[in-house]
Amino acid sequence: MLYQLPDSDIERFIEEDMPYGDLTTLLLGIGALHGVITFTSRETTTLCCTEEAARVLERCGASVGFLLPSGTTVEAGVTILSATGAAGSLHAGWKVALNLLEYASGITTRTRKIVNRVKEINASITIVTTRKSFPGTKKIAIKAIMAGGALPHRLGLSESVLVFRQHTAFCGGLEHFLQTVAELKSKATEQKIIVEADSAEEALAIAAAGVDVVQLDKLQPEALSRLVEQLHNVAPGVKISAAGGINGENASAYAETGVDMLVLSSVYFGKPSDIAVSITSLQS
């Protein structure tokens, strides 16, 4: 089961949208009237944050009667979530719940499409996403990519070791840094040591130094295919990740290169899913 965002986030989302109540519903005098809200897909969608959307509605005073779990793929016209309650409660939770569903499901849908495409080519490949999600949205973004079948590449700076040239610039350069890989591995015995290469020559040197993962940035698939074979000859046990500019259009080509991981950010950015909402009165 995917994790759920904490109550503090749910309350923050509601407070952002309704810090002092719903003025329109108040002035119309309809807040106590009973109704039902229904969320329906308008296109093929892989869902995410249905649980959080339901909790938004419940926190606003509605009673959720139905929801499909995150990770479910639906066609157009399928009911995703429904709840009943006072009109004041339904209107208070309406847009917050919809925004969560549309933005998170957009990420999940893009992720699932890429995962399905590359798994058809290489069932053992792993799709991982970077920490380039928009600030303040990481918990939603990570849930969304996991609902789509991917995993986080790095949750943050505190739990992984990934060395860029911006690091080796302070270590006397890449060549000098590679002489210290064994020492680094002895300091971080529970972590994999990942080092990014900017060229084929750097990649071969990094692999020969005994790192766990060589990350190749912005290398085109044809050149990458040749390099993967060379890297396995130099260091048969090394894992190889491809990063930089990977998206739904070229992910299949990268999957054919023989790398172990595709590292991408593209799923975070794009059109939200299109989800319809109806709110109807249950008053006789």
Protein backbone atom coordinates (compact mmCIF):
# COMPACT_ATOMS: atom_id res chain seq x y z
CA MET A 1 0.00 0.00 0.00
CA LEU A 2 1.31 3.46 -0.90
CA TYR A 3 1.96 5.91 1.91
CA GLN A 4 -0.52 8.65 2.73
CA LEU A 5 0.22 12.29 3.36
CA PRO A 6 -0.05 13.36 7.03
CA ASP A 7 -3.06 15.18 8.44
CA SER A 8 -1.00 18.36 8.74
CA ASP A 9 -0.71 18.51 4.94
CA ILE A 10 -4.43 17.91 4.44
CA GLU A 11 -5.24 20.73 6.83
CA ARG A 12 -2.69 23.01 5.17
CA PHE A 13 -4.19 22.42 1.73
CA ILE A 14 -7.66 23.34 3.00
CA GLU A 15 -6.43 26.37 4.91
CA GLU A 16 -4.64 27.70 1.81
CA ASP A 17 -7.91 27.66 -0.14
CA MET A 18 -10.34 28.63 2.62
CA PRO A 19 -8.61 30.61 5.38
CA TYR A 20 -11.81 32.36 6.54
CA GLY A 21 -14.65 30.20 5.27
CA ASP A 22 -16.53 30.06 1.95
CA LEU A 23 -18.02 33.51 1.34
CA THR A 24 -20.11 32.49 -1.69
CA THR A 25 -21.80 29.56 0.03
CA LEU A 26 -22.36 31.69 3.13
CA LEU A 27 -24.05 34.55 1.24
CA LEU A 28 -26.23 32.17 -0.78
CA GLY A 29 -27.42 30.54 2.44
CA ILE A 30 -27.06 26.99 1.02
CA GLY A 31 -24.43 25.60 3.37
CA ALA A 32 -26.75 23.28 5.30
CA LEU A 33 -28.49 21.76 2.28
CA HIS A 34 -27.62 18.12 1.56
CA GLY A 35 -25.88 17.02 -1.64
CA VAL A 36 -23.45 14.67 -3.37
CA ILE A 37 -20.12 15.29 -5.10
CA THR A 38 -18.79 12.92 -7.76
CA PHE A 39 -15.38 12.90 -9.50
CA THR A 40 -15.27 11.20 -12.91
CA SER A 41 -12.42 10.57 -15.37
CA ARG A 42 -12.60 12.32 -18.74
CA GLU A 43 -9.72 10.34 -20.27
CA THR A 44 -7.59 7.26 -19.65
CA THR A 45 -5.93 8.02 -16.33
CA THR A 46 -3.78 6.28 -13.74
CA LEU A 47 -5.02 7.66 -10.45
CA CYS A 48 -3.14 9.11 -7.52
CA CYS A 49 -4.07 10.85 -4.27
CA THR A 50 -7.63 9.60 -4.23
CA GLU A 51 -7.03 8.80 -0.56
CA GLU A 52 -5.90 12.35 0.19
CA ALA A 53 -8.78 13.84 -1.82
CA ALA A 54 -11.18 11.74 0.23
CA ARG A 55 -9.58 12.93 3.46
CA VAL A 56 -9.93 16.54 2.31
CA LEU A 57 -13.66 16.01 1.86
CA GLU A 58 -13.96 14.22 5.20
CA ARG A 59 -12.00 16.96 6.98
CA CYS A 60 -14.48 19.45 5.54
CA GLY A 61 -17.38 17.41 6.98
CA ALA A 62 -18.47 15.16 4.08
CA SER A 63 -18.87 11.37 4.15
CA VAL A 64 -16.98 9.46 1.46
CA GLY A 65 -18.98 6.62 -0.04
CA PHE A 66 -16.66 5.39 -2.78
CA LEU A 67 -13.09 5.75 -4.01
CA LEU A 68 -10.69 3.90 -6.28
CA PRO A 69 -7.18 3.49 -4.84
CA SER A 70 -4.06 5.22 -6.13
CA GLY A 71 -2.43 3.26 -8.93
CA THR A 72 -5.73 2.24 -10.55
CA THR A 73 -5.94 2.87 -14.30
CA VAL A 74 -9.38 3.87 -15.60
CA GLU A 75 -10.89 4.75 -18.95
CA ALA A 76 -12.99 7.85 -19.57
CA GLY A 77 -16.34 8.02 -17.78
CA VAL A 78 -15.39 6.08 -14.65
CA THR A 79 -16.39 7.31 -11.19
CA ILE A 80 -13.23 7.87 -9.15
CA LEU A 81 -14.55 9.26 -5.88
CA SER A 82 -17.90 10.28 -4.42
CA ALA A 83 -19.09 11.75 -1.14
CA THR A 84 -22.25 13.13 0.45
CA GLY A 85 -22.74 15.92 2.93
CA ALA A 86 -23.84 19.47 3.49
CA ALA A 87 -23.29 21.81 0.56
CA GLY A 88 -20.91 23.84 2.70
CA SER A 89 -18.73 20.79 3.22
CA LEU A 90 -18.82 19.74 -0.42
CA HIS A 91 -17.91 23.18 -1.74
CA ALA A 92 -15.16 23.59 0.87
CA GLY A 93 -13.40 20.42 -0.29
CA TRP A 94 -14.27 20.54 -4.00
CA LYS A 95 -11.31 22.36 -5.58
CA VAL A 96 -8.66 21.18 -3.13
CA ALA A 97 -9.62 17.56 -3.77
CA LEU A 98 -9.79 18.14 -7.53
CA ASN A 99 -6.39 19.84 -7.67
CA LEU A 100 -4.80 16.96 -5.77
CA LEU A 101 -6.39 14.40 -8.06
CA GLU A 102 -5.60 16.15 -11.34
CA TYR A 103 -2.00 17.15 -10.65
CA ALA A 104 -0.97 13.91 -8.95
CA SER A 105 -2.76 11.71 -11.48
CA GLY A 106 -1.10 13.62 -14.31
CA ILE A 107 2.30 12.64 -12.93
CA THR A 108 1.20 9.06 -12.32
CA THR A 109 -0.28 8.67 -15.79
CA ARG A 110 2.88 9.91 -17.49
CA THR A 111 4.97 7.64 -15.27
CA ARG A 112 2.86 4.56 -15.94
CA LYS A 113 3.06 5.08 -19.71
CA ILE A 114 6.86 5.23 -19.61
CA VAL A 115 7.15 2.27 -17.25
CA ASN A 116 4.89 0.14 -19.45
CA ARG A 117 6.83 1.03 -22.60
CA VAL A 118 10.28 0.28 -21.23
CA LYS A 119 9.23 -2.88 -19.39
CA GLU A 120 8.07 -4.33 -22.72
CA ILE A 121 11.66 -3.91 -23.93
CA ASN A 122 13.57 -4.77 -20.77
CA ALA A 123 11.58 -6.25 -17.87
CA SER A 124 14.47 -5.81 -15.42
CA ILE A 125 15.05 -2.10 -15.99
CA THR A 126 14.21 0.34 -13.18
CA ILE A 127 12.63 3.77 -13.70
CA VAL A 128 13.67 6.30 -11.07
CA THR A 129 12.90 10.00 -10.74
CA THR A 130 15.07 12.89 -9.58
CA ARG A 131 14.51 15.43 -6.82
CA LYS A 132 13.50 18.11 -9.33
CA SER A 133 9.88 18.18 -8.21
CA PHE A 134 8.50 21.68 -7.58
CA PRO A 135 9.42 22.82 -4.03
CA GLY A 136 6.70 22.01 -1.51
CA THR A 137 5.21 19.17 -3.59
CA LYS A 138 7.70 16.35 -2.96
CA LYS A 139 5.40 14.13 -0.91
CA ILE A 140 2.71 14.29 -3.59
CA ALA A 141 5.23 13.88 -6.43
CA ILE A 142 6.90 10.83 -4.88
CA LYS A 143 3.57 9.15 -4.16
CA ALA A 144 2.55 9.88 -7.75
CA ILE A 145 5.61 8.32 -9.39
CA MET A 146 5.40 5.28 -7.13
CA ALA A 147 1.72 4.84 -8.03
CA GLY A 148 2.90 4.80 -11.64
CA GLY A 149 5.47 2.07 -11.06
CA ALA A 150 8.65 4.13 -10.63
CA LEU A 151 10.87 4.72 -7.62
CA PRO A 152 12.67 7.81 -6.31
CA HIS A 153 16.27 8.17 -7.47
CA ARG A 154 17.11 10.29 -4.45
CA LEU A 155 14.71 11.44 -1.76
CA GLY A 156 17.25 14.05 -0.71
CA LEU A 157 20.86 14.77 0.09
CA SER A 158 20.78 12.97 3.43
CA GLU A 159 20.32 9.36 2.32
CA SER A 160 22.35 8.81 -0.83
CA VAL A 161 25.86 9.28 -2.21
CA LEU A 162 25.88 10.72 -5.72
CA VAL A 163 29.10 12.42 -6.84
CA PHE A 164 29.01 15.04 -9.59
CA ARG A 165 31.86 16.99 -11.15
CA GLN A 166 30.69 19.86 -8.95
CA HIS A 167 31.91 17.71 -6.05
CA THR A 168 35.14 16.47 -7.61
CA ALA A 169 36.09 20.08 -8.40
CA PHE A 170 36.77 20.35 -4.66
CA CYS A 171 38.57 16.99 -4.51
CA GLY A 172 41.44 17.78 -6.86
CA GLY A 173 39.52 16.71 -9.96
CA LEU A 174 37.96 13.44 -11.08
CA GLU A 175 41.23 11.52 -11.43
CA HIS A 176 42.31 12.35 -7.89
CA PHE A 177 38.83 11.61 -6.51
CA LEU A 178 38.76 8.14 -8.11
CA GLN A 179 41.85 7.20 -6.13
CA THR A 180 39.76 7.65 -2.96
CA VAL A 181 36.76 5.49 -3.96
CA ALA A 182 37.80 2.54 -1.79
CA GLU A 183 38.10 4.82 1.23
CA LEU A 184 34.71 6.37 0.48
CA LYS A 185 33.10 2.94 0.27
CA SER A 186 34.58 2.00 3.64
CA LYS A 187 33.00 5.11 5.18
CA ALA A 188 29.55 4.42 3.72
CA THR A 189 29.18 0.66 3.83
CA GLU A 190 25.37 0.75 3.62
CA GLN A 191 25.17 3.14 0.66
CA LYS A 192 25.83 2.61 -3.01
CA ILE A 193 28.46 4.94 -4.46
CA ILE A 194 27.11 6.59 -7.62
CA VAL A 195 29.33 8.80 -9.77
CA GLU A 196 28.16 10.76 -12.80
CA ALA A 197 30.23 10.85 -15.99
CA ASP A 198 30.13 13.57 -18.63
CA SER A 199 31.89 11.52 -21.32
CA ALA A 200 32.64 7.94 -22.34
CA GLU A 201 36.25 8.31 -21.18
CA GLU A 202 35.15 9.45 -17.74
CA ALA A 203 32.61 6.63 -17.52
CA LEU A 204 35.25 3.96 -18.20
CA ALA A 205 37.60 5.45 -15.61
CA ILE A 206 34.81 5.65 -13.03
CA ALA A 207 33.77 2.04 -13.61
CA ALA A 208 37.37 0.83 -13.31
CA ALA A 209 37.68 2.62 -9.95
CA GLY A 210 35.13 0.26 -8.39
CA VAL A 211 32.05 2.43 -7.91
CA ASP A 212 28.66 0.77 -7.62
CA VAL A 213 26.82 2.81 -10.26
CA VAL A 214 28.04 4.88 -13.21
CA GLN A 215 25.52 7.56 -14.16
CA LEU A 216 25.73 8.79 -17.75
CA ASP A 217 24.33 12.24 -18.44
CA LYS A 218 22.83 13.32 -21.77
CA LEU A 219 24.44 10.59 -23.87
CA GLN A 220 22.47 9.69 -27.00
CA PRO A 221 21.10 6.11 -27.17
CA GLU A 222 23.35 4.91 -30.02
CA ALA A 223 26.53 6.02 -28.27
CA LEU A 224 25.19 4.76 -24.97
CA SER A 225 24.65 1.25 -26.36
CA ARG A 226 28.30 0.99 -27.38
CA LEU A 227 29.48 2.34 -24.05
CA VAL A 228 27.36 -0.07 -21.98
CA GLU A 229 29.18 -3.02 -23.54
CA GLN A 230 32.56 -1.40 -22.87
CA LEU A 231 31.66 -0.67 -19.25
CA HIS A 232 30.63 -4.27 -18.63
CA ASN A 233 33.96 -5.43 -20.05
CA VAL A 234 35.86 -3.10 -17.71
CA ALA A 235 33.69 -3.76 -14.63
CA PRO A 236 31.22 -6.66 -15.07
CA GLY A 237 29.39 -5.93 -11.81
CA VAL A 238 28.87 -2.21 -12.28
CA LYS A 239 25.34 -0.87 -12.64
CA ILE A 240 24.66 1.78 -15.27
CA SER A 241 22.08 4.55 -15.17
CA ALA A 242 21.12 6.93 -17.97
CA ALA A 243 20.02 10.45 -17.11
CA GLY A 244 19.31 13.75 -18.80
CA GLY A 245 16.44 14.52 -21.16
CA ILE A 246 14.68 11.16 -20.92
CA ASN A 247 10.94 11.38 -21.56
CA GLY A 248 7.99 9.51 -23.01
CA GLU A 249 9.22 10.02 -26.56
CA ASN A 250 12.71 8.54 -26.16
CA ALA A 251 12.47 6.26 -23.11
CA SER A 252 12.07 3.15 -25.29
CA ALA A 253 15.27 3.94 -27.18
CA TYR A 254 17.16 4.32 -23.90
CA ALA A 255 15.70 1.06 -22.59
CA GLU A 256 17.18 -0.74 -25.62
CA THR A 257 20.73 0.35 -24.71
CA GLY A 258 21.10 -2.21 -21.91
CA VAL A 259 21.33 0.23 -18.99
CA ASP A 260 20.01 -0.82 -15.59
CA MET A 261 18.18 2.39 -14.72
CA LEU A 262 16.55 5.34 -16.42
CA VAL A 263 16.71 8.54 -14.37
CA LEU A 264 14.18 11.18 -15.33
CA SER A 265 12.37 14.33 -14.26
CA SER A 266 10.02 14.76 -17.21
CA VAL A 267 7.04 13.07 -15.53
CA TYR A 268 6.78 15.92 -13.02
CA PHE A 269 5.95 18.43 -15.72
CA GLY A 270 3.01 18.34 -18.09
CA LYS A 271 -0.76 18.60 -18.35
CA PRO A 272 -2.79 17.60 -15.29
CA SER A 273 -5.28 14.78 -15.76
CA ASP A 274 -8.75 15.86 -16.87
CA ILE A 275 -11.27 14.97 -14.17
CA ALA A 276 -14.91 16.07 -14.11
CA VAL A 277 -16.75 17.08 -10.95
CA SER A 278 -20.49 17.23 -10.37
CA ILE A 279 -22.19 18.54 -7.25
CA THR A 280 -25.92 17.94 -7.06
CA SER A 281 -28.56 18.65 -4.46
CA LEU A 282 -30.26 15.78 -2.63
CA GLN A 283 -33.02 18.00 -1.29
CA SER A 284 -36.54 16.82 -2.15
